[in-house]
Amino acid sequence: MNQVRPEITAFAEAMEKTMQKHDAEKGDSWKKLDVHNLETEFWMEVEELGCLQDDGIPITSPDAIHELLDIANMAMMLFCRSQGVSESE
């Protein structure tokens, strides 16, 4: 495989930083959540981003970036669950 693009590495590191902020409270609890619950949370995050846009908040603002990272992390969780990742791993 080719080297990972620097932009992907930076994005993944930002995603991990966001995940780590919740480790004490949630840890890897997403691995045992029902996939439908994860999907619902994903769409809630998308809606939160939409509300910011409706309020005229630029997509590059810190609040919007926060929501984008939440969406990305939810997408990662759904992807991993579709690949068979569960609490036992």
N, C-alpha and C. Protein backbone atom coordinates (compact mmCIF):
# COMPACT_ATOMS: atom_id res chain seq x y z
N MET A 1 0.84 -1.19 0.00
CA MET A 1 0.00 0.00 0.00
C MET A 1 0.88 1.24 0.00
N ASN A 2 0.41 2.26 -0.67
CA ASN A 2 1.14 3.51 -0.71
C ASN A 2 1.09 4.20 0.64
N GLN A 3 1.95 5.17 0.80
CA GLN A 3 1.98 5.95 2.04
C GLN A 3 0.66 6.68 2.23
N VAL A 4 0.23 6.76 3.48
CA VAL A 4 -1.02 7.46 3.80
C VAL A 4 -0.82 8.95 3.57
N ARG A 5 -1.79 9.56 2.93
CA ARG A 5 -1.73 11.00 2.68
C ARG A 5 -1.65 11.75 4.01
N PRO A 6 -0.86 12.83 4.06
CA PRO A 6 -0.74 13.62 5.29
C PRO A 6 -2.09 14.17 5.76
N GLU A 7 -2.96 14.52 4.82
CA GLU A 7 -4.27 15.05 5.18
C GLU A 7 -5.12 14.00 5.91
N ILE A 8 -5.01 12.76 5.47
CA ILE A 8 -5.76 11.67 6.11
C ILE A 8 -5.20 11.41 7.50
N THR A 9 -3.88 11.43 7.62
CA THR A 9 -3.26 11.25 8.93
C THR A 9 -3.69 12.36 9.90
N ALA A 10 -3.67 13.60 9.43
CA ALA A 10 -4.07 14.73 10.29
C ALA A 10 -5.53 14.60 10.69
N PHE A 11 -6.39 14.19 9.77
CA PHE A 11 -7.81 14.03 10.07
C PHE A 11 -8.03 12.89 11.07
N ALA A 12 -7.34 11.78 10.85
CA ALA A 12 -7.45 10.65 11.77
C ALA A 12 -6.96 11.02 13.17
N GLU A 13 -5.90 11.80 13.25
CA GLU A 13 -5.39 12.25 14.55
C GLU A 13 -6.40 13.16 15.24
N ALA A 14 -7.06 14.03 14.48
CA ALA A 14 -8.09 14.89 15.06
C ALA A 14 -9.28 14.07 15.53
N MET A 15 -9.64 13.04 14.77
CA MET A 15 -10.72 12.14 15.18
C MET A 15 -10.36 11.44 16.49
N GLU A 16 -9.13 10.95 16.57
CA GLU A 16 -8.69 10.25 17.78
C GLU A 16 -8.68 11.18 18.99
N LYS A 17 -8.24 12.42 18.79
CA LYS A 17 -8.24 13.39 19.89
C LYS A 17 -9.66 13.60 20.41
N THR A 18 -10.62 13.69 19.50
CA THR A 18 -12.02 13.84 19.88
C THR A 18 -12.50 12.61 20.64
N MET A 19 -12.14 11.42 20.15
CA MET A 19 -12.54 10.18 20.83
C MET A 19 -11.94 10.13 22.24
N GLN A 20 -10.68 10.52 22.38
CA GLN A 20 -10.01 10.46 23.68
C GLN A 20 -10.66 11.37 24.72
N LYS A 21 -11.25 12.47 24.26
CA LYS A 21 -11.92 13.38 25.19
C LYS A 21 -13.07 12.69 25.92
N HIS A 22 -13.62 11.64 25.31
CA HIS A 22 -14.76 10.94 25.88
C HIS A 22 -14.40 9.59 26.50
N ASP A 23 -13.10 9.26 26.51
CA ASP A 23 -12.69 7.94 27.01
C ASP A 23 -13.12 7.67 28.44
N ALA A 24 -12.94 8.63 29.32
CA ALA A 24 -13.28 8.40 30.74
C ALA A 24 -14.77 8.11 30.90
N GLU A 25 -15.58 8.80 30.10
CA GLU A 25 -17.04 8.65 30.21
C GLU A 25 -17.58 7.46 29.42
N LYS A 26 -17.08 7.30 28.18
CA LYS A 26 -17.68 6.33 27.27
C LYS A 26 -16.75 5.19 26.85
N GLY A 27 -15.45 5.44 26.83
CA GLY A 27 -14.52 4.42 26.37
C GLY A 27 -14.89 3.90 24.99
N ASP A 28 -14.88 2.59 24.85
CA ASP A 28 -15.24 1.96 23.59
C ASP A 28 -16.66 1.40 23.63
N SER A 29 -17.54 2.07 24.37
CA SER A 29 -18.92 1.58 24.51
C SER A 29 -19.63 1.45 23.18
N TRP A 30 -19.19 2.19 22.16
CA TRP A 30 -19.80 2.11 20.84
C TRP A 30 -19.72 0.71 20.25
N LYS A 31 -18.74 -0.08 20.72
CA LYS A 31 -18.56 -1.43 20.18
C LYS A 31 -19.68 -2.37 20.60
N LYS A 32 -20.41 -2.00 21.65
CA LYS A 32 -21.50 -2.87 22.08
C LYS A 32 -22.88 -2.26 21.85
N LEU A 33 -22.92 -1.02 21.34
CA LEU A 33 -24.20 -0.39 21.03
C LEU A 33 -24.84 -1.05 19.82
N ASP A 34 -26.15 -1.09 19.83
CA ASP A 34 -26.89 -1.57 18.68
C ASP A 34 -26.57 -0.70 17.48
N VAL A 35 -26.38 -1.31 16.32
CA VAL A 35 -26.02 -0.55 15.12
C VAL A 35 -27.09 0.49 14.78
N HIS A 36 -28.34 0.17 15.02
CA HIS A 36 -29.40 1.14 14.74
C HIS A 36 -29.27 2.37 15.65
N ASN A 37 -28.84 2.17 16.88
CA ASN A 37 -28.60 3.31 17.78
C ASN A 37 -27.43 4.16 17.27
N LEU A 38 -26.38 3.49 16.80
CA LEU A 38 -25.25 4.23 16.22
C LEU A 38 -25.71 5.04 15.01
N GLU A 39 -26.54 4.43 14.19
CA GLU A 39 -27.03 5.13 13.01
C GLU A 39 -27.85 6.35 13.41
N THR A 40 -28.70 6.20 14.42
CA THR A 40 -29.50 7.33 14.90
C THR A 40 -28.59 8.44 15.41
N GLU A 41 -27.54 8.09 16.16
CA GLU A 41 -26.60 9.10 16.66
C GLU A 41 -25.86 9.78 15.51
N PHE A 42 -25.53 9.01 14.47
CA PHE A 42 -24.88 9.58 13.29
C PHE A 42 -25.75 10.68 12.69
N TRP A 43 -27.03 10.37 12.47
CA TRP A 43 -27.92 11.35 11.85
C TRP A 43 -28.18 12.53 12.77
N MET A 44 -28.13 12.32 14.08
CA MET A 44 -28.26 13.45 15.01
C MET A 44 -27.09 14.40 14.87
N GLU A 45 -25.89 13.84 14.70
CA GLU A 45 -24.70 14.68 14.50
C GLU A 45 -24.80 15.47 13.19
N VAL A 46 -25.29 14.81 12.14
CA VAL A 46 -25.47 15.49 10.86
C VAL A 46 -26.46 16.63 11.02
N GLU A 47 -27.53 16.38 11.77
CA GLU A 47 -28.53 17.43 12.01
C GLU A 47 -27.92 18.60 12.78
N GLU A 48 -27.06 18.31 13.75
CA GLU A 48 -26.41 19.39 14.51
C GLU A 48 -25.58 20.26 13.58
N LEU A 49 -24.88 19.65 12.64
CA LEU A 49 -24.10 20.43 11.67
C LEU A 49 -25.03 21.26 10.81
N GLY A 50 -26.15 20.68 10.40
CA GLY A 50 -27.13 21.41 9.59
C GLY A 50 -27.68 22.61 10.33
N CYS A 51 -27.91 22.46 11.63
CA CYS A 51 -28.41 23.59 12.43
C CYS A 51 -27.41 24.73 12.46
N LEU A 52 -26.12 24.38 12.56
CA LEU A 52 -25.09 25.42 12.53
C LEU A 52 -25.12 26.15 11.19
N GLN A 53 -25.24 25.38 10.12
CA GLN A 53 -25.30 26.00 8.80
C GLN A 53 -26.54 26.88 8.66
N ASP A 54 -27.67 26.40 9.19
CA ASP A 54 -28.90 27.20 9.15
C ASP A 54 -28.73 28.52 9.89
N ASP A 55 -27.89 28.50 10.93
CA ASP A 55 -27.62 29.71 11.71
C ASP A 55 -26.54 30.59 11.09
N GLY A 56 -26.05 30.20 9.92
CA GLY A 56 -25.05 30.99 9.22
C GLY A 56 -23.62 30.78 9.72
N ILE A 57 -23.40 29.73 10.50
CA ILE A 57 -22.05 29.43 11.01
C ILE A 57 -21.24 28.82 9.87
N PRO A 58 -20.08 29.38 9.56
CA PRO A 58 -19.26 28.83 8.46
C PRO A 58 -18.81 27.39 8.75
N ILE A 59 -18.72 26.60 7.70
CA ILE A 59 -18.33 25.20 7.81
C ILE A 59 -16.89 25.06 8.34
N THR A 60 -16.10 26.12 8.25
CA THR A 60 -14.73 26.09 8.73
C THR A 60 -14.58 26.62 10.16
N SER A 61 -15.70 26.95 10.79
CA SER A 61 -15.65 27.46 12.17
C SER A 61 -15.30 26.33 13.14
N PRO A 62 -14.77 26.65 14.30
CA PRO A 62 -14.46 25.60 15.30
C PRO A 62 -15.67 24.74 15.66
N ASP A 63 -16.85 25.36 15.78
CA ASP A 63 -18.05 24.58 16.12
C ASP A 63 -18.40 23.60 15.01
N ALA A 64 -18.30 24.04 13.76
CA ALA A 64 -18.59 23.16 12.64
C ALA A 64 -17.55 22.06 12.52
N ILE A 65 -16.28 22.38 12.74
CA ILE A 65 -15.22 21.37 12.69
C ILE A 65 -15.48 20.31 13.76
N HIS A 66 -15.92 20.75 14.94
CA HIS A 66 -16.26 19.82 16.01
C HIS A 66 -17.34 18.84 15.53
N GLU A 67 -18.37 19.36 14.89
CA GLU A 67 -19.45 18.50 14.39
C GLU A 67 -18.96 17.58 13.27
N LEU A 68 -18.11 18.10 12.39
CA LEU A 68 -17.56 17.26 11.33
C LEU A 68 -16.77 16.09 11.91
N LEU A 69 -16.01 16.35 12.97
CA LEU A 69 -15.26 15.27 13.61
C LEU A 69 -16.19 14.28 14.29
N ASP A 70 -17.26 14.77 14.90
CA ASP A 70 -18.24 13.86 15.49
C ASP A 70 -18.87 12.98 14.42
N ILE A 71 -19.21 13.58 13.28
CA ILE A 71 -19.79 12.82 12.17
C ILE A 71 -18.79 11.78 11.67
N ALA A 72 -17.55 12.19 11.52
CA ALA A 72 -16.51 11.27 11.04
C ALA A 72 -16.34 10.10 12.01
N ASN A 73 -16.34 10.40 13.31
CA ASN A 73 -16.18 9.32 14.29
C ASN A 73 -17.37 8.38 14.27
N MET A 74 -18.58 8.92 14.11
CA MET A 74 -19.75 8.06 14.02
C MET A 74 -19.67 7.20 12.76
N ALA A 75 -19.21 7.77 11.66
CA ALA A 75 -19.04 7.01 10.42
C ALA A 75 -18.02 5.90 10.62
N MET A 76 -16.92 6.20 11.32
CA MET A 76 -15.91 5.19 11.60
C MET A 76 -16.51 4.05 12.42
N MET A 77 -17.30 4.40 13.44
CA MET A 77 -17.92 3.38 14.28
C MET A 77 -18.84 2.49 13.46
N LEU A 78 -19.66 3.09 12.60
CA LEU A 78 -20.55 2.31 11.76
C LEU A 78 -19.77 1.44 10.78
N PHE A 79 -18.71 1.99 10.22
CA PHE A 79 -17.86 1.21 9.32
C PHE A 79 -17.26 0.01 10.05
N CYS A 80 -16.69 0.26 11.22
CA CYS A 80 -16.06 -0.83 11.98
C CYS A 80 -17.08 -1.90 12.35
N ARG A 81 -18.26 -1.48 12.78
CA ARG A 81 -19.30 -2.45 13.13
C ARG A 81 -19.70 -3.26 11.91
N SER A 82 -19.73 -2.64 10.73
CA SER A 82 -20.09 -3.38 9.51
C SER A 82 -19.01 -4.39 9.13
N GLN A 83 -17.80 -4.17 9.67
CA GLN A 83 -16.69 -5.07 9.41
C GLN A 83 -16.54 -6.13 10.50
N GLY A 84 -17.48 -6.14 11.43
CA GLY A 84 -17.49 -7.16 12.48
C GLY A 84 -16.81 -6.78 13.77
N VAL A 85 -16.37 -5.53 13.91
CA VAL A 85 -15.74 -5.09 15.16
C VAL A 85 -16.80 -5.05 16.25
N SER A 86 -16.47 -5.66 17.39
CA SER A 86 -17.41 -5.65 18.52
C SER A 86 -16.63 -5.52 19.82
N GLU A 87 -17.36 -5.51 20.92
CA GLU A 87 -16.75 -5.31 22.23
C GLU A 87 -15.68 -6.36 22.53
N SER A 88 -15.80 -7.53 21.96
CA SER A 88 -14.85 -8.60 22.26
C SER A 88 -13.47 -8.37 21.67
N GLU A 89 -13.33 -7.34 20.84
CA GLU A 89 -12.02 -7.08 20.21
C GLU A 89 -11.28 -5.97 20.89
